[in-house]
């Protein structure tokens, strides 16, 4: 459970994210973002977020679980609303990969990013990178063979592919990890959102791994 002060800050950020969409054509932006749009019986945007089937109720600007109707956690909703707010029409993934250090101000926040994402990935999978083969597909992960020993690409949002790269330990080096982003990611998410979404992806994978290990 998050401490009250953090919940309060999330609530403020959530309210702002909702207000940022006022006056915008959400359905049009959702189509540009690569989401499925429905207009009957109500206007909704269908999406999959880290393995969760969800929908945005356009009139309320609230993202809920598509099956239960329960609102998603605030930060998940904030990221989805930010993606809709910031999506650029006509911009597509470039297929060129960058590290967090290369996103705007990424070098300044690199230490915190490594602690909250990269180091967590090593904690969860460094001892057994092959565990990713079991958990990654559950979050829509696709094998990625361009770099690393065990790597998976995740389409966190339709136009935001993220690659988790694991390196096995050997006689000289301990296990290592990296997280790669398409070079266009700053067109869709701010640096803080890029960091948060990376942590959320790694944590979601780690929780699945822990369930498998019992």
N, C-alpha and C. Protein backbone atom coordinates (compact mmCIF):
# COMPACT_ATOMS: atom_id res chain seq x y z
N UNK A 1 0.85 -1.20 0.00
CA UNK A 1 0.00 0.00 0.00
C UNK A 1 0.88 1.25 0.00
N UNK A 2 0.53 2.20 -0.85
CA UNK A 2 1.33 3.43 -0.95
C UNK A 2 1.08 4.31 0.28
N UNK A 3 2.09 5.05 0.76
CA UNK A 3 1.88 5.99 1.85
C UNK A 3 0.91 7.09 1.42
N UNK A 4 0.18 7.69 2.40
CA UNK A 4 -0.84 8.70 2.06
C UNK A 4 -0.32 9.84 1.22
N UNK A 5 0.90 10.34 1.51
CA UNK A 5 1.41 11.49 0.76
C UNK A 5 1.63 11.14 -0.70
N UNK A 6 2.05 9.88 -0.97
CA UNK A 6 2.25 9.48 -2.35
C UNK A 6 0.91 9.34 -3.06
N UNK A 7 -0.09 8.78 -2.35
CA UNK A 7 -1.43 8.67 -2.93
C UNK A 7 -1.97 10.06 -3.27
N UNK A 8 -1.71 11.04 -2.39
CA UNK A 8 -2.17 12.40 -2.65
C UNK A 8 -1.52 12.96 -3.90
N UNK A 9 -0.22 12.73 -4.07
CA UNK A 9 0.47 13.25 -5.25
C UNK A 9 -0.04 12.56 -6.52
N UNK A 10 -0.35 11.26 -6.42
CA UNK A 10 -0.93 10.55 -7.56
C UNK A 10 -2.28 11.15 -7.92
N UNK A 11 -3.09 11.45 -6.89
CA UNK A 11 -4.42 12.00 -7.14
C UNK A 11 -4.33 13.35 -7.86
N UNK A 12 -3.38 14.17 -7.44
CA UNK A 12 -3.19 15.47 -8.10
C UNK A 12 -2.76 15.28 -9.55
N UNK A 13 -1.81 14.38 -9.78
CA UNK A 13 -1.33 14.11 -11.14
C UNK A 13 -2.44 13.52 -12.01
N UNK A 14 -3.27 12.68 -11.41
CA UNK A 14 -4.38 12.06 -12.14
C UNK A 14 -5.41 13.10 -12.55
N UNK A 15 -5.75 13.99 -11.62
CA UNK A 15 -6.70 15.05 -11.92
C UNK A 15 -6.18 15.94 -13.04
N UNK A 16 -4.90 16.26 -13.00
CA UNK A 16 -4.30 17.08 -14.06
C UNK A 16 -4.33 16.35 -15.40
N UNK A 17 -4.02 15.05 -15.38
CA UNK A 17 -4.02 14.28 -16.62
C UNK A 17 -5.41 14.26 -17.25
N UNK A 18 -6.44 14.16 -16.41
CA UNK A 18 -7.81 14.20 -16.92
C UNK A 18 -8.12 15.57 -17.52
N UNK A 19 -7.73 16.63 -16.83
CA UNK A 19 -8.01 17.98 -17.31
C UNK A 19 -7.25 18.29 -18.60
N UNK A 20 -6.06 17.71 -18.74
CA UNK A 20 -5.26 17.94 -19.94
C UNK A 20 -5.98 17.46 -21.21
N UNK A 21 -6.90 16.51 -21.05
CA UNK A 21 -7.62 15.97 -22.21
C UNK A 21 -8.90 16.73 -22.52
N UNK A 22 -9.26 17.68 -21.65
CA UNK A 22 -10.46 18.47 -21.90
C UNK A 22 -10.31 19.25 -23.20
N UNK A 23 -11.34 19.20 -24.01
CA UNK A 23 -11.33 19.94 -25.27
C UNK A 23 -10.62 19.23 -26.40
N UNK A 24 -9.99 18.08 -26.11
CA UNK A 24 -9.32 17.32 -27.16
C UNK A 24 -10.25 16.23 -27.69
N UNK A 25 -10.08 15.87 -28.94
CA UNK A 25 -10.86 14.77 -29.52
C UNK A 25 -10.19 13.46 -29.11
N UNK A 26 -10.68 12.87 -28.03
CA UNK A 26 -10.03 11.69 -27.47
C UNK A 26 -10.10 10.51 -28.42
N UNK A 27 -11.24 10.34 -29.09
CA UNK A 27 -11.37 9.21 -30.02
C UNK A 27 -10.37 9.33 -31.17
N UNK A 28 -10.22 10.54 -31.67
CA UNK A 28 -9.26 10.76 -32.77
C UNK A 28 -7.84 10.49 -32.30
N UNK A 29 -7.52 10.95 -31.09
CA UNK A 29 -6.19 10.74 -30.56
C UNK A 29 -5.95 9.25 -30.27
N UNK A 30 -7.00 8.57 -29.82
CA UNK A 30 -6.87 7.14 -29.54
C UNK A 30 -6.58 6.36 -30.82
N UNK A 31 -7.23 6.75 -31.91
CA UNK A 31 -6.95 6.08 -33.19
C UNK A 31 -5.50 6.35 -33.61
N UNK A 32 -5.05 7.59 -33.45
CA UNK A 32 -3.65 7.92 -33.78
C UNK A 32 -2.68 7.14 -32.90
N UNK A 33 -3.12 6.85 -31.67
CA UNK A 33 -2.27 6.14 -30.72
C UNK A 33 -2.22 4.64 -30.98
N UNK A 34 -3.09 4.16 -31.87
CA UNK A 34 -3.09 2.74 -32.20
C UNK A 34 -4.07 1.91 -31.41
N UNK A 35 -4.98 2.56 -30.68
CA UNK A 35 -5.97 1.84 -29.88
C UNK A 35 -7.22 1.53 -30.70
N UNK A 36 -8.00 0.59 -30.21
CA UNK A 36 -9.29 0.25 -30.81
C UNK A 36 -10.36 1.14 -30.18
N UNK A 37 -11.19 1.76 -31.02
CA UNK A 37 -12.21 2.69 -30.56
C UNK A 37 -13.60 2.12 -30.81
N UNK A 38 -14.48 2.27 -29.83
CA UNK A 38 -15.89 1.89 -29.99
C UNK A 38 -16.76 3.10 -29.67
N UNK A 39 -17.83 3.27 -30.42
CA UNK A 39 -18.72 4.41 -30.19
C UNK A 39 -20.10 4.01 -29.70
N UNK A 40 -20.43 2.73 -29.75
CA UNK A 40 -21.74 2.26 -29.28
C UNK A 40 -21.54 1.04 -28.40
N UNK A 41 -22.32 0.90 -27.31
CA UNK A 41 -23.36 1.80 -26.83
C UNK A 41 -22.81 3.06 -26.16
N UNK A 42 -21.51 3.08 -25.85
CA UNK A 42 -20.88 4.28 -25.32
C UNK A 42 -19.50 4.41 -25.94
N UNK A 43 -18.94 5.61 -25.85
CA UNK A 43 -17.61 5.83 -26.42
C UNK A 43 -16.55 5.27 -25.47
N UNK A 44 -15.84 4.26 -25.95
CA UNK A 44 -14.77 3.67 -25.15
C UNK A 44 -13.55 3.43 -26.02
N UNK A 45 -12.41 3.37 -25.38
CA UNK A 45 -11.15 3.04 -26.04
C UNK A 45 -10.65 1.74 -25.42
N UNK A 46 -10.47 0.72 -26.24
CA UNK A 46 -10.01 -0.59 -25.77
C UNK A 46 -8.48 -0.64 -25.79
N UNK A 47 -7.90 -1.21 -24.75
CA UNK A 47 -6.45 -1.30 -24.70
C UNK A 47 -6.00 -2.44 -23.81
N UNK A 48 -4.79 -2.87 -24.03
CA UNK A 48 -4.13 -3.85 -23.17
C UNK A 48 -2.94 -3.17 -22.53
N UNK A 49 -2.92 -3.16 -21.20
CA UNK A 49 -1.83 -2.49 -20.49
C UNK A 49 -1.15 -3.47 -19.56
N UNK A 50 0.06 -3.85 -19.92
CA UNK A 50 0.84 -4.79 -19.12
C UNK A 50 0.05 -6.04 -18.80
N UNK A 51 -0.59 -6.58 -19.83
CA UNK A 51 -1.32 -7.82 -19.68
C UNK A 51 -2.73 -7.68 -19.14
N UNK A 52 -3.16 -6.46 -18.85
CA UNK A 52 -4.50 -6.25 -18.31
C UNK A 52 -5.42 -5.70 -19.39
N UNK A 53 -6.53 -6.39 -19.62
CA UNK A 53 -7.52 -5.96 -20.59
C UNK A 53 -8.30 -4.79 -19.99
N UNK A 54 -8.19 -3.62 -20.58
CA UNK A 54 -8.77 -2.42 -19.99
C UNK A 54 -9.53 -1.61 -21.03
N UNK A 55 -10.26 -0.62 -20.54
CA UNK A 55 -10.95 0.30 -21.45
C UNK A 55 -11.02 1.68 -20.82
N UNK A 56 -10.89 2.68 -21.65
CA UNK A 56 -11.05 4.06 -21.23
C UNK A 56 -12.48 4.48 -21.53
N UNK A 57 -13.21 4.88 -20.50
CA UNK A 57 -14.55 5.43 -20.69
C UNK A 57 -14.37 6.90 -21.03
N UNK A 58 -14.60 7.23 -22.29
CA UNK A 58 -14.21 8.54 -22.81
C UNK A 58 -14.90 9.68 -22.07
N UNK A 59 -16.20 9.55 -21.83
CA UNK A 59 -16.95 10.63 -21.20
C UNK A 59 -16.47 10.97 -19.81
N UNK A 60 -15.94 9.97 -19.11
CA UNK A 60 -15.48 10.17 -17.74
C UNK A 60 -13.96 10.32 -17.65
N UNK A 61 -13.28 9.96 -18.74
CA UNK A 61 -11.81 9.96 -18.76
C UNK A 61 -11.26 9.11 -17.62
N UNK A 62 -11.85 7.92 -17.48
CA UNK A 62 -11.46 6.96 -16.46
C UNK A 62 -11.12 5.64 -17.14
N UNK A 63 -10.02 5.01 -16.73
CA UNK A 63 -9.62 3.72 -17.30
C UNK A 63 -9.96 2.62 -16.30
N UNK A 64 -10.72 1.62 -16.76
CA UNK A 64 -11.18 0.56 -15.88
C UNK A 64 -10.80 -0.80 -16.45
N UNK A 65 -10.80 -1.80 -15.57
CA UNK A 65 -10.63 -3.18 -16.01
C UNK A 65 -11.83 -3.54 -16.88
N UNK A 66 -11.57 -4.07 -18.07
CA UNK A 66 -12.65 -4.34 -19.02
C UNK A 66 -13.61 -5.40 -18.52
N UNK A 67 -13.16 -6.27 -17.63
CA UNK A 67 -14.01 -7.36 -17.15
C UNK A 67 -14.75 -6.99 -15.87
N UNK A 68 -14.05 -6.38 -14.92
CA UNK A 68 -14.67 -6.10 -13.62
C UNK A 68 -15.26 -4.70 -13.51
N UNK A 69 -14.78 -3.79 -14.36
CA UNK A 69 -15.23 -2.41 -14.27
C UNK A 69 -14.53 -1.61 -13.18
N UNK A 70 -13.59 -2.24 -12.48
CA UNK A 70 -12.86 -1.55 -11.42
C UNK A 70 -11.80 -0.63 -12.03
N UNK A 71 -11.67 0.59 -11.50
CA UNK A 71 -10.64 1.50 -12.02
C UNK A 71 -9.24 0.91 -11.87
N UNK A 72 -8.38 1.14 -12.85
CA UNK A 72 -6.99 0.73 -12.75
C UNK A 72 -6.29 1.58 -11.69
N UNK A 73 -5.17 1.12 -11.15
CA UNK A 73 -4.41 1.96 -10.22
C UNK A 73 -4.13 3.33 -10.83
N UNK A 74 -4.07 4.35 -9.97
CA UNK A 74 -3.97 5.72 -10.46
C UNK A 74 -2.80 5.92 -11.41
N UNK A 75 -1.61 5.36 -11.05
CA UNK A 75 -0.47 5.66 -11.91
C UNK A 75 -0.61 4.99 -13.27
N UNK A 76 -1.25 3.84 -13.33
CA UNK A 76 -1.51 3.20 -14.63
C UNK A 76 -2.41 4.10 -15.47
N UNK A 77 -3.45 4.65 -14.84
CA UNK A 77 -4.35 5.55 -15.56
C UNK A 77 -3.62 6.80 -16.03
N UNK A 78 -2.77 7.33 -15.17
CA UNK A 78 -2.02 8.55 -15.52
C UNK A 78 -1.18 8.32 -16.77
N UNK A 79 -0.47 7.20 -16.82
CA UNK A 79 0.37 6.90 -17.98
C UNK A 79 -0.45 6.78 -19.25
N UNK A 80 -1.58 6.12 -19.16
CA UNK A 80 -2.44 5.95 -20.34
C UNK A 80 -2.97 7.30 -20.81
N UNK A 81 -3.42 8.13 -19.88
CA UNK A 81 -3.92 9.46 -20.25
C UNK A 81 -2.81 10.33 -20.82
N UNK A 82 -1.62 10.23 -20.26
CA UNK A 82 -0.48 10.99 -20.79
C UNK A 82 -0.16 10.56 -22.21
N UNK A 83 -0.19 9.27 -22.46
CA UNK A 83 0.09 8.76 -23.81
C UNK A 83 -0.92 9.33 -24.80
N UNK A 84 -2.18 9.35 -24.43
CA UNK A 84 -3.21 9.92 -25.31
C UNK A 84 -3.01 11.42 -25.50
N UNK A 85 -2.60 12.09 -24.45
CA UNK A 85 -2.38 13.54 -24.53
C UNK A 85 -1.21 13.87 -25.45
N UNK A 86 -0.14 13.09 -25.37
CA UNK A 86 1.11 13.46 -26.03
C UNK A 86 1.33 12.80 -27.38
N UNK A 87 0.47 11.83 -27.76
CA UNK A 87 0.69 11.10 -29.01
C UNK A 87 0.76 12.07 -30.19
N UNK A 88 1.68 11.79 -31.11
CA UNK A 88 1.86 12.63 -32.30
C UNK A 88 1.34 11.88 -33.52
N UNK A 89 0.38 12.48 -34.20
CA UNK A 89 -0.18 11.84 -35.39
C UNK A 89 0.89 11.72 -36.48
N UNK A 90 0.96 10.55 -37.08
CA UNK A 90 1.90 10.32 -38.17
C UNK A 90 3.28 9.87 -37.74
N UNK A 91 3.56 9.89 -36.43
CA UNK A 91 4.86 9.43 -35.94
C UNK A 91 4.77 7.94 -35.65
N UNK A 92 5.69 7.18 -36.21
CA UNK A 92 5.73 5.74 -36.01
C UNK A 92 7.09 5.35 -35.44
N UNK A 93 7.16 4.20 -34.74
CA UNK A 93 8.46 3.74 -34.24
C UNK A 93 9.50 3.68 -35.35
N UNK A 94 10.71 4.11 -35.04
CA UNK A 94 11.77 4.22 -36.05
C UNK A 94 12.57 2.93 -36.21
N UNK A 95 12.47 2.03 -35.22
CA UNK A 95 13.27 0.81 -35.29
C UNK A 95 14.72 1.03 -34.90
N UNK A 96 15.02 2.19 -34.32
CA UNK A 96 16.37 2.48 -33.82
C UNK A 96 16.29 2.56 -32.30
N UNK A 97 17.17 1.84 -31.63
CA UNK A 97 17.06 1.68 -30.18
C UNK A 97 18.00 2.60 -29.42
N UNK A 98 17.49 3.16 -28.32
CA UNK A 98 18.28 4.03 -27.47
C UNK A 98 18.14 3.57 -26.02
N UNK A 99 19.06 4.02 -25.18
CA UNK A 99 18.99 3.72 -23.75
C UNK A 99 18.34 4.90 -23.02
N UNK A 100 18.05 4.70 -21.74
CA UNK A 100 17.45 5.78 -20.96
C UNK A 100 18.36 7.00 -20.91
N UNK A 101 19.65 6.77 -20.93
CA UNK A 101 20.62 7.87 -20.89
C UNK A 101 20.44 8.83 -22.06
N UNK A 102 19.85 8.33 -23.15
CA UNK A 102 19.72 9.14 -24.37
C UNK A 102 18.39 9.88 -24.48
N UNK A 103 17.46 9.64 -23.56
CA UNK A 103 16.21 10.40 -23.60
C UNK A 103 16.46 11.75 -22.94
N UNK A 104 15.62 12.76 -23.17
CA UNK A 104 15.85 14.08 -22.60
C UNK A 104 16.05 14.04 -21.08
N UNK A 105 17.16 14.57 -20.62
CA UNK A 105 17.53 14.61 -19.20
C UNK A 105 17.74 13.22 -18.61
N UNK A 106 17.83 12.21 -19.46
CA UNK A 106 17.98 10.85 -18.96
C UNK A 106 19.24 10.64 -18.16
N UNK A 107 20.33 11.29 -18.57
CA UNK A 107 21.60 11.12 -17.87
C UNK A 107 21.49 11.62 -16.43
N UNK A 108 20.71 12.67 -16.23
CA UNK A 108 20.55 13.25 -14.90
C UNK A 108 19.82 12.28 -13.96
N UNK A 109 18.86 11.53 -14.52
CA UNK A 109 18.05 10.62 -13.69
C UNK A 109 18.52 9.17 -13.80
N UNK A 110 19.67 8.94 -14.43
CA UNK A 110 20.10 7.58 -14.74
C UNK A 110 20.29 6.72 -13.49
N UNK A 111 20.86 7.28 -12.45
CA UNK A 111 21.11 6.51 -11.23
C UNK A 111 19.80 5.98 -10.65
N UNK A 112 18.80 6.84 -10.56
CA UNK A 112 17.50 6.42 -10.03
C UNK A 112 16.84 5.41 -10.95
N UNK A 113 16.96 5.62 -12.26
CA UNK A 113 16.39 4.69 -13.23
C UNK A 113 17.01 3.30 -13.06
N UNK A 114 18.33 3.25 -12.97
CA UNK A 114 19.00 1.96 -12.81
C UNK A 114 18.55 1.26 -11.53
N UNK A 115 18.42 2.02 -10.47
CA UNK A 115 18.04 1.44 -9.18
C UNK A 115 16.63 0.86 -9.23
N UNK A 116 15.73 1.55 -9.91
CA UNK A 116 14.32 1.16 -9.89
C UNK A 116 13.92 0.22 -11.01
N UNK A 117 14.77 0.09 -12.03
CA UNK A 117 14.40 -0.76 -13.17
C UNK A 117 15.48 -1.79 -13.50
N UNK A 118 16.63 -1.32 -13.90
CA UNK A 118 17.70 -2.24 -14.31
C UNK A 118 18.11 -3.18 -13.18
N UNK A 119 18.36 -2.62 -11.99
CA UNK A 119 18.79 -3.46 -10.87
C UNK A 119 17.70 -4.44 -10.46
N UNK A 120 16.44 -4.02 -10.58
CA UNK A 120 15.33 -4.93 -10.28
C UNK A 120 15.30 -6.09 -11.26
N UNK A 121 15.54 -5.79 -12.53
CA UNK A 121 15.56 -6.85 -13.54
C UNK A 121 16.65 -7.87 -13.23
N UNK A 122 17.81 -7.39 -12.79
CA UNK A 122 18.90 -8.29 -12.41
C UNK A 122 18.49 -9.13 -11.19
N UNK A 123 17.82 -8.49 -10.25
CA UNK A 123 17.36 -9.20 -9.06
C UNK A 123 16.40 -10.33 -9.43
N UNK A 124 15.46 -10.04 -10.33
CA UNK A 124 14.44 -11.03 -10.69
C UNK A 124 14.96 -12.11 -11.63
N UNK A 125 15.84 -11.72 -12.58
CA UNK A 125 16.18 -12.64 -13.66
C UNK A 125 17.67 -12.88 -13.87
N UNK A 126 18.52 -12.16 -13.13
CA UNK A 126 19.96 -12.31 -13.35
C UNK A 126 20.46 -13.72 -13.12
N UNK A 127 19.90 -14.39 -12.13
CA UNK A 127 20.34 -15.75 -11.81
C UNK A 127 19.79 -16.78 -12.79
N UNK A 128 18.69 -16.42 -13.47
CA UNK A 128 18.05 -17.36 -14.40
C UNK A 128 17.34 -16.59 -15.50
N UNK A 129 18.08 -16.05 -16.47
CA UNK A 129 17.45 -15.27 -17.55
C UNK A 129 16.41 -16.07 -18.33
N UNK A 130 16.56 -17.39 -18.37
CA UNK A 130 15.62 -18.21 -19.13
C UNK A 130 14.21 -18.17 -18.55
N UNK A 131 14.09 -17.72 -17.31
CA UNK A 131 12.77 -17.57 -16.71
C UNK A 131 11.92 -16.58 -17.50
N UNK A 132 12.59 -15.66 -18.19
CA UNK A 132 11.86 -14.71 -19.03
C UNK A 132 11.06 -15.41 -20.12
N UNK A 133 11.56 -16.55 -20.59
CA UNK A 133 10.84 -17.28 -21.64
C UNK A 133 9.45 -17.70 -21.15
N UNK A 134 9.32 -17.91 -19.85
CA UNK A 134 8.03 -18.33 -19.30
C UNK A 134 7.10 -17.15 -19.01
N UNK A 135 7.66 -16.05 -18.53
CA UNK A 135 6.80 -14.95 -18.08
C UNK A 135 6.55 -13.88 -19.13
N UNK A 136 7.54 -13.62 -19.98
CA UNK A 136 7.39 -12.52 -20.95
C UNK A 136 6.19 -12.67 -21.87
N UNK A 137 5.93 -13.87 -22.43
CA UNK A 137 4.76 -13.99 -23.32
C UNK A 137 3.44 -13.67 -22.63
N UNK A 138 3.37 -13.80 -21.33
CA UNK A 138 2.14 -13.51 -20.60
C UNK A 138 1.82 -12.02 -20.61
N UNK A 139 2.84 -11.21 -20.86
CA UNK A 139 2.63 -9.76 -20.99
C UNK A 139 2.77 -9.33 -22.45
N UNK A 140 2.63 -10.29 -23.35
CA UNK A 140 2.71 -9.96 -24.77
C UNK A 140 4.12 -9.81 -25.29
N UNK A 141 5.11 -10.27 -24.54
CA UNK A 141 6.50 -10.14 -24.96
C UNK A 141 6.82 -10.98 -26.19
N UNK A 142 7.66 -10.42 -27.06
CA UNK A 142 8.10 -11.10 -28.28
C UNK A 142 9.62 -11.26 -28.22
N UNK A 143 10.12 -12.44 -28.61
CA UNK A 143 11.56 -12.67 -28.60
C UNK A 143 12.27 -11.60 -29.42
N UNK A 144 13.39 -11.12 -28.88
CA UNK A 144 14.19 -10.08 -29.52
C UNK A 144 15.62 -10.58 -29.55
N UNK A 145 16.16 -10.77 -30.72
CA UNK A 145 17.47 -11.45 -30.85
C UNK A 145 18.60 -10.53 -31.29
N UNK A 146 18.34 -9.22 -31.37
CA UNK A 146 19.38 -8.32 -31.86
C UNK A 146 20.49 -8.06 -30.85
N UNK A 147 20.19 -8.24 -29.58
CA UNK A 147 21.17 -7.91 -28.54
C UNK A 147 20.87 -8.74 -27.30
N UNK A 148 21.91 -9.03 -26.51
CA UNK A 148 21.72 -9.73 -25.25
C UNK A 148 21.64 -11.23 -25.40
N UNK A 149 21.56 -11.91 -24.25
CA UNK A 149 21.44 -13.37 -24.23
C UNK A 149 19.98 -13.81 -24.23
N UNK A 150 19.16 -13.13 -23.44
CA UNK A 150 17.71 -13.39 -23.42
C UNK A 150 17.03 -12.02 -23.42
N UNK A 151 16.34 -11.71 -24.49
CA UNK A 151 15.72 -10.38 -24.62
C UNK A 151 14.30 -10.51 -25.15
N UNK A 152 13.44 -9.60 -24.68
CA UNK A 152 12.05 -9.59 -25.13
C UNK A 152 11.59 -8.16 -25.38
N UNK A 153 10.80 -8.02 -26.43
CA UNK A 153 10.20 -6.73 -26.79
C UNK A 153 8.76 -6.72 -26.30
N UNK A 154 8.38 -5.63 -25.63
CA UNK A 154 7.03 -5.45 -25.12
C UNK A 154 6.43 -4.19 -25.72
N UNK A 155 5.24 -4.31 -26.26
CA UNK A 155 4.55 -3.13 -26.78
C UNK A 155 3.69 -2.56 -25.65
N UNK A 156 4.35 -1.78 -24.80
CA UNK A 156 3.68 -1.24 -23.63
C UNK A 156 2.46 -0.42 -24.06
N UNK A 157 2.65 0.38 -25.09
CA UNK A 157 1.56 1.01 -25.83
C UNK A 157 1.80 0.68 -27.30
N UNK A 158 0.77 0.82 -28.14
CA UNK A 158 0.95 0.42 -29.55
C UNK A 158 2.16 1.03 -30.24
N UNK A 159 2.52 2.27 -29.88
CA UNK A 159 3.65 2.93 -30.53
C UNK A 159 4.84 3.11 -29.59
N UNK A 160 4.82 2.35 -28.49
CA UNK A 160 5.91 2.46 -27.51
C UNK A 160 6.47 1.07 -27.21
N UNK A 161 7.32 0.55 -28.11
CA UNK A 161 7.98 -0.73 -27.83
C UNK A 161 9.14 -0.53 -26.85
N UNK A 162 9.25 -1.46 -25.91
CA UNK A 162 10.32 -1.43 -24.91
C UNK A 162 10.97 -2.82 -24.89
N UNK A 163 12.29 -2.86 -24.87
CA UNK A 163 13.01 -4.14 -24.88
C UNK A 163 13.75 -4.33 -23.56
N UNK A 164 13.49 -5.46 -22.91
CA UNK A 164 14.26 -5.85 -21.73
C UNK A 164 15.34 -6.82 -22.18
N UNK A 165 16.58 -6.46 -21.89
CA UNK A 165 17.74 -7.24 -22.32
C UNK A 165 18.43 -7.83 -21.09
N UNK A 166 18.66 -9.14 -21.11
CA UNK A 166 19.38 -9.80 -20.02
C UNK A 166 20.67 -10.41 -20.55
N UNK A 167 21.73 -10.26 -19.76
CA UNK A 167 23.03 -10.85 -20.08
C UNK A 167 23.38 -11.87 -18.99
N UNK A 168 23.76 -13.04 -19.42
CA UNK A 168 24.13 -14.08 -18.46
C UNK A 168 25.47 -13.75 -17.78
N UNK A 169 25.62 -14.25 -16.57
CA UNK A 169 26.92 -14.15 -15.89
C UNK A 169 27.91 -15.09 -16.57
N UNK A 170 29.18 -14.70 -16.54
CA UNK A 170 30.23 -15.60 -17.02
C UNK A 170 31.40 -15.55 -16.04
N UNK A 171 32.52 -16.09 -16.44
CA UNK A 171 33.66 -16.17 -15.53
C UNK A 171 34.22 -14.80 -15.16
N UNK A 172 33.98 -13.82 -16.02
CA UNK A 172 34.56 -12.49 -15.79
C UNK A 172 33.55 -11.47 -15.26
N UNK A 173 32.28 -11.60 -15.65
CA UNK A 173 31.31 -10.55 -15.33
C UNK A 173 30.07 -11.14 -14.66
N UNK A 174 29.47 -10.37 -13.76
CA UNK A 174 28.20 -10.79 -13.15
C UNK A 174 27.06 -10.61 -14.15
N UNK A 175 25.87 -11.10 -13.84
CA UNK A 175 24.74 -10.88 -14.75
C UNK A 175 24.44 -9.40 -14.88
N UNK A 176 23.91 -9.03 -16.02
CA UNK A 176 23.61 -7.62 -16.27
C UNK A 176 22.28 -7.52 -17.02
N UNK A 177 21.78 -6.30 -17.10
CA UNK A 177 20.51 -6.06 -17.80
C UNK A 177 20.55 -4.68 -18.44
N UNK A 178 19.67 -4.47 -19.38
CA UNK A 178 19.50 -3.15 -19.98
C UNK A 178 18.06 -3.03 -20.45
N UNK A 179 17.61 -1.82 -20.61
CA UNK A 179 16.28 -1.56 -21.14
C UNK A 179 16.43 -0.59 -22.30
N UNK A 180 15.88 -0.97 -23.43
CA UNK A 180 16.00 -0.17 -24.65
C UNK A 180 14.64 0.37 -25.06
N UNK A 181 14.68 1.54 -25.70
CA UNK A 181 13.46 2.21 -26.16
C UNK A 181 13.62 2.59 -27.62
N UNK A 182 12.51 2.60 -28.34
CA UNK A 182 12.59 3.14 -29.69
C UNK A 182 12.96 4.61 -29.61
N UNK A 183 13.72 5.08 -30.58
CA UNK A 183 14.22 6.46 -30.56
C UNK A 183 13.10 7.49 -30.57
N UNK A 184 11.89 7.09 -30.95
CA UNK A 184 10.77 8.04 -30.98
C UNK A 184 10.05 8.16 -29.65
N UNK A 185 10.45 7.44 -28.63
CA UNK A 185 9.67 7.43 -27.39
C UNK A 185 9.46 8.82 -26.78
N UNK A 186 10.40 9.78 -26.91
CA UNK A 186 10.12 11.11 -26.36
C UNK A 186 8.96 11.82 -27.05
N UNK A 187 8.55 11.32 -28.23
CA UNK A 187 7.40 11.90 -28.92
C UNK A 187 6.09 11.47 -28.26
N UNK A 188 6.16 10.45 -27.40
CA UNK A 188 4.94 9.89 -26.82
C UNK A 188 4.87 9.98 -25.31
N UNK A 189 6.03 10.00 -24.65
CA UNK A 189 6.06 10.02 -23.19
C UNK A 189 7.19 10.94 -22.71
N UNK A 190 6.94 11.62 -21.59
CA UNK A 190 8.00 12.43 -20.99
C UNK A 190 8.99 11.51 -20.28
N UNK A 191 10.12 12.05 -19.88
CA UNK A 191 11.17 11.24 -19.27
C UNK A 191 10.70 10.56 -17.99
N UNK A 192 9.95 11.26 -17.16
CA UNK A 192 9.45 10.64 -15.93
C UNK A 192 8.54 9.46 -16.25
N UNK A 193 7.67 9.61 -17.24
CA UNK A 193 6.78 8.52 -17.61
C UNK A 193 7.56 7.33 -18.18
N UNK A 194 8.62 7.61 -18.92
CA UNK A 194 9.47 6.54 -19.45
C UNK A 194 10.08 5.74 -18.30
N UNK A 195 10.54 6.44 -17.28
CA UNK A 195 11.12 5.76 -16.12
C UNK A 195 10.08 4.93 -15.39
N UNK A 196 8.91 5.51 -15.18
CA UNK A 196 7.86 4.80 -14.44
C UNK A 196 7.38 3.57 -15.18
N UNK A 197 7.19 3.71 -16.48
CA UNK A 197 6.68 2.58 -17.25
C UNK A 197 7.70 1.44 -17.30
N UNK A 198 8.98 1.78 -17.26
CA UNK A 198 10.03 0.76 -17.21
C UNK A 198 9.96 -0.02 -15.90
N UNK A 199 9.82 0.71 -14.80
CA UNK A 199 9.71 0.05 -13.50
C UNK A 199 8.47 -0.83 -13.44
N UNK A 200 7.36 -0.32 -13.94
CA UNK A 200 6.12 -1.10 -13.90
C UNK A 200 6.24 -2.38 -14.72
N UNK A 201 6.91 -2.31 -15.86
CA UNK A 201 7.10 -3.50 -16.68
C UNK A 201 7.95 -4.53 -15.94
N UNK A 202 9.07 -4.10 -15.38
CA UNK A 202 9.96 -5.02 -14.68
C UNK A 202 9.26 -5.63 -13.46
N UNK A 203 8.53 -4.81 -12.71
CA UNK A 203 7.82 -5.31 -11.52
C UNK A 203 6.76 -6.33 -11.92
N UNK A 204 6.02 -6.04 -13.00
CA UNK A 204 4.99 -6.98 -13.46
C UNK A 204 5.61 -8.32 -13.85
N UNK A 205 6.74 -8.27 -14.53
CA UNK A 205 7.44 -9.51 -14.90
C UNK A 205 7.96 -10.23 -13.66
N UNK A 206 8.48 -9.47 -12.72
CA UNK A 206 9.00 -10.06 -11.49
C UNK A 206 7.92 -10.76 -10.68
N UNK A 207 6.74 -10.17 -10.63
CA UNK A 207 5.63 -10.79 -9.89
C UNK A 207 5.23 -12.11 -10.53
N UNK A 208 5.21 -12.14 -11.85
CA UNK A 208 4.90 -13.39 -12.54
C UNK A 208 5.97 -14.44 -12.27
N UNK A 209 7.22 -14.01 -12.26
CA UNK A 209 8.32 -14.95 -11.99
C UNK A 209 8.22 -15.52 -10.58
N UNK A 210 7.85 -14.70 -9.62
CA UNK A 210 7.73 -15.16 -8.24
C UNK A 210 6.61 -16.18 -8.10
N UNK A 211 5.53 -15.99 -8.86
CA UNK A 211 4.43 -16.96 -8.82
C UNK A 211 4.88 -18.31 -9.36
N UNK A 212 5.68 -18.27 -10.42
CA UNK A 212 6.16 -19.53 -11.01
C UNK A 212 7.10 -20.25 -10.04
N UNK A 213 7.94 -19.48 -9.37
CA UNK A 213 8.90 -20.08 -8.44
C UNK A 213 8.24 -20.51 -7.13
N UNK A 214 7.02 -19.98 -6.91
CA UNK A 214 6.31 -20.34 -5.69
C UNK A 214 6.82 -19.58 -4.49
